Amino acid sequence: MKNVTVTVDDAALEWVRIEAAKRNTSVSKLVGEMIADKMRHDDSYERAMREALRFEPIAFEGNYLTRDDIYADRIDRFR
């Protein structure tokens, strides 16, 4: 593990100290866990995006429905 120095404003430092105390851990460990969680979240999002982009579009044959066709049964109820 490597040590890093970060600069944070007073409010953020107060929050992270309180949060670390609530979790019975150190500020250093809490910040490290938050960074690791963010990294895992970003990696899983990128993986899901790549997987989604691999799908081929569905070929649609025929004409698209018009708005009137889609809502015809609802419109007829109010006539």
C-alpha atoms as a PDB file:
ATOM      1  CA  MET A   1       0.000   0.000   0.000  1.00  0.00           C
ATOM      2  CA  LYS A   2       1.116   3.525  -0.709  1.00  0.00           C
ATOM      3  CA  ASN A   3       0.533   6.639   1.344  1.00  0.00           C
ATOM      4  CA  VAL A   4      -0.925   9.753  -0.252  1.00  0.00           C
ATOM      5  CA  THR A   5      -1.489  13.265   0.981  1.00  0.00           C
ATOM      6  CA  VAL A   6      -4.788  14.931   0.137  1.00  0.00           C
ATOM      7  CA  THR A   7      -6.084  18.428   0.647  1.00  0.00           C
ATOM      8  CA  VAL A   8      -9.706  18.765   1.744  1.00  0.00           C
ATOM      9  CA  ASP A   9     -11.772  21.591   3.114  1.00  0.00           C
ATOM     10  CA  ASP A  10     -12.610  21.717   6.807  1.00  0.00           C
ATOM     11  CA  ALA A  11     -16.207  20.543   6.366  1.00  0.00           C
ATOM     12  CA  ALA A  12     -15.150  17.469   4.383  1.00  0.00           C
ATOM     13  CA  LEU A  13     -12.487  16.605   6.935  1.00  0.00           C
ATOM     14  CA  GLU A  14     -14.966  16.916   9.789  1.00  0.00           C
ATOM     15  CA  TRP A  15     -17.459  14.701   7.958  1.00  0.00           C
ATOM     16  CA  VAL A  16     -14.918  11.983   7.168  1.00  0.00           C
ATOM     17  CA  ARG A  17     -13.634  11.957  10.753  1.00  0.00           C
ATOM     18  CA  ILE A  18     -17.171  11.532  12.095  1.00  0.00           C
ATOM     19  CA  GLU A  19     -17.995   8.887   9.485  1.00  0.00           C
ATOM     20  CA  ALA A  20     -14.827   6.949  10.298  1.00  0.00           C
ATOM     21  CA  ALA A  21     -15.642   7.082  14.014  1.00  0.00           C
ATOM     22  CA  LYS A  22     -19.179   5.805  13.348  1.00  0.00           C
ATOM     23  CA  ARG A  23     -17.715   2.871  11.441  1.00  0.00           C
ATOM     24  CA  ASN A  24     -15.015   2.291  14.044  1.00  0.00           C
ATOM     25  CA  THR A  25     -12.227   2.675  11.481  1.00  0.00           C
ATOM     26  CA  SER A  26      -9.513   5.159  10.580  1.00  0.00           C
ATOM     27  CA  VAL A  27      -9.906   8.072   8.195  1.00  0.00           C
ATOM     28  CA  SER A  28      -7.187   6.574   6.027  1.00  0.00           C
ATOM     29  CA  LYS A  29      -8.921   3.199   5.783  1.00  0.00           C
ATOM     30  CA  LEU A  30     -12.327   4.787   5.133  1.00  0.00           C
ATOM     31  CA  VAL A  31     -10.998   6.982   2.328  1.00  0.00           C
ATOM     32  CA  GLY A  32      -9.164   3.997   0.831  1.00  0.00           C
ATOM     33  CA  GLU A  33     -12.362   1.922   0.892  1.00  0.00           C
ATOM     34  CA  MET A  34     -14.333   4.768  -0.709  1.00  0.00           C
ATOM     35  CA  ILE A  35     -11.785   5.039  -3.519  1.00  0.00           C
ATOM     36  CA  ALA A  36     -11.825   1.259  -4.056  1.00  0.00           C
ATOM     37  CA  ASP A  37     -15.658   1.252  -4.141  1.00  0.00           C
ATOM     38  CA  LYS A  38     -15.667   4.085  -6.681  1.00  0.00           C
ATOM     39  CA  MET A  39     -13.129   2.228  -8.802  1.00  0.00           C
ATOM     40  CA  ARG A  40     -15.211  -0.991  -8.750  1.00  0.00           C
ATOM     41  CA  HIS A  41     -18.392   0.933  -9.572  1.00  0.00           C
ATOM     42  CA  ASP A  42     -16.776   2.723 -12.515  1.00  0.00           C
ATOM     43  CA  ASP A  43     -15.269  -0.519 -13.819  1.00  0.00           C
ATOM     44  CA  SER A  44     -18.603  -2.344 -13.645  1.00  0.00           C
ATOM     45  CA  TYR A  45     -20.359   0.557 -15.399  1.00  0.00           C
ATOM     46  CA  GLU A  46     -17.811   0.562 -18.214  1.00  0.00           C
ATOM     47  CA  ARG A  47     -18.084  -3.222 -18.545  1.00  0.00           C
ATOM     48  CA  ALA A  48     -21.886  -3.024 -18.727  1.00  0.00           C
ATOM     49  CA  MET A  49     -21.691  -0.224 -21.304  1.00  0.00           C
ATOM     50  CA  ARG A  50     -19.306  -2.220 -23.513  1.00  0.00           C
ATOM     51  CA  GLU A  51     -21.601  -5.241 -23.243  1.00  0.00           C
ATOM     52  CA  ALA A  52     -24.664  -3.174 -24.116  1.00  0.00           C
ATOM     53  CA  LEU A  53     -22.934  -1.696 -27.147  1.00  0.00           C
ATOM     54  CA  ARG A  54     -22.109  -5.184 -28.453  1.00  0.00           C
ATOM     55  CA  PHE A  55     -25.791  -5.946 -29.086  1.00  0.00           C
ATOM     56  CA  GLU A  56     -26.913  -5.663 -32.665  1.00  0.00           C
ATOM     57  CA  PRO A  57     -29.988  -3.525 -33.294  1.00  0.00           C
ATOM     58  CA  ILE A  58     -33.196  -5.429 -33.949  1.00  0.00           C
ATOM     59  CA  ALA A  59     -34.158  -5.311 -37.595  1.00  0.00           C
ATOM     60  CA  PHE A  60     -37.655  -3.882 -37.944  1.00  0.00           C
ATOM     61  CA  GLU A  61     -39.582  -4.691 -41.070  1.00  0.00           C
ATOM     62  CA  GLY A  62     -42.712  -2.829 -41.918  1.00  0.00           C
ATOM     63  CA  ASN A  63     -44.116   0.564 -41.146  1.00  0.00           C
ATOM     64  CA  TYR A  64     -43.995   2.223 -37.781  1.00  0.00           C
ATOM     65  CA  LEU A  65     -47.323   2.746 -36.059  1.00  0.00           C
ATOM     66  CA  THR A  66     -48.699   6.251 -36.113  1.00  0.00           C
ATOM     67  CA  ARG A  67     -49.664   8.019 -32.923  1.00  0.00           C
ATOM     68  CA  ASP A  68     -53.335   7.625 -33.856  1.00  0.00           C
ATOM     69  CA  ASP A  69     -52.885   3.869 -34.334  1.00  0.00           C
ATOM     70  CA  ILE A  70     -51.204   3.511 -30.960  1.00  0.00           C
ATOM     71  CA  TYR A  71     -53.892   5.404 -29.061  1.00  0.00           C
ATOM     72  CA  ALA A  72     -56.929   4.455 -31.188  1.00  0.00           C
ATOM     73  CA  ASP A  73     -58.604   2.334 -28.502  1.00  0.00           C
ATOM     74  CA  ARG A  74     -58.173   5.044 -25.882  1.00  0.00           C
ATOM     75  CA  ILE A  75     -59.429   7.768 -28.180  1.00  0.00           C
ATOM     76  CA  ASP A  76     -62.510   5.693 -29.089  1.00  0.00           C
ATOM     77  CA  ARG A  77     -63.460   5.440 -25.402  1.00  0.00           C
ATOM     78  CA  PHE A  78     -63.844   9.202 -25.152  1.00  0.00           C
ATOM     79  CA  ARG A  79     -65.924   9.702 -28.285  1.00  0.00           C
END
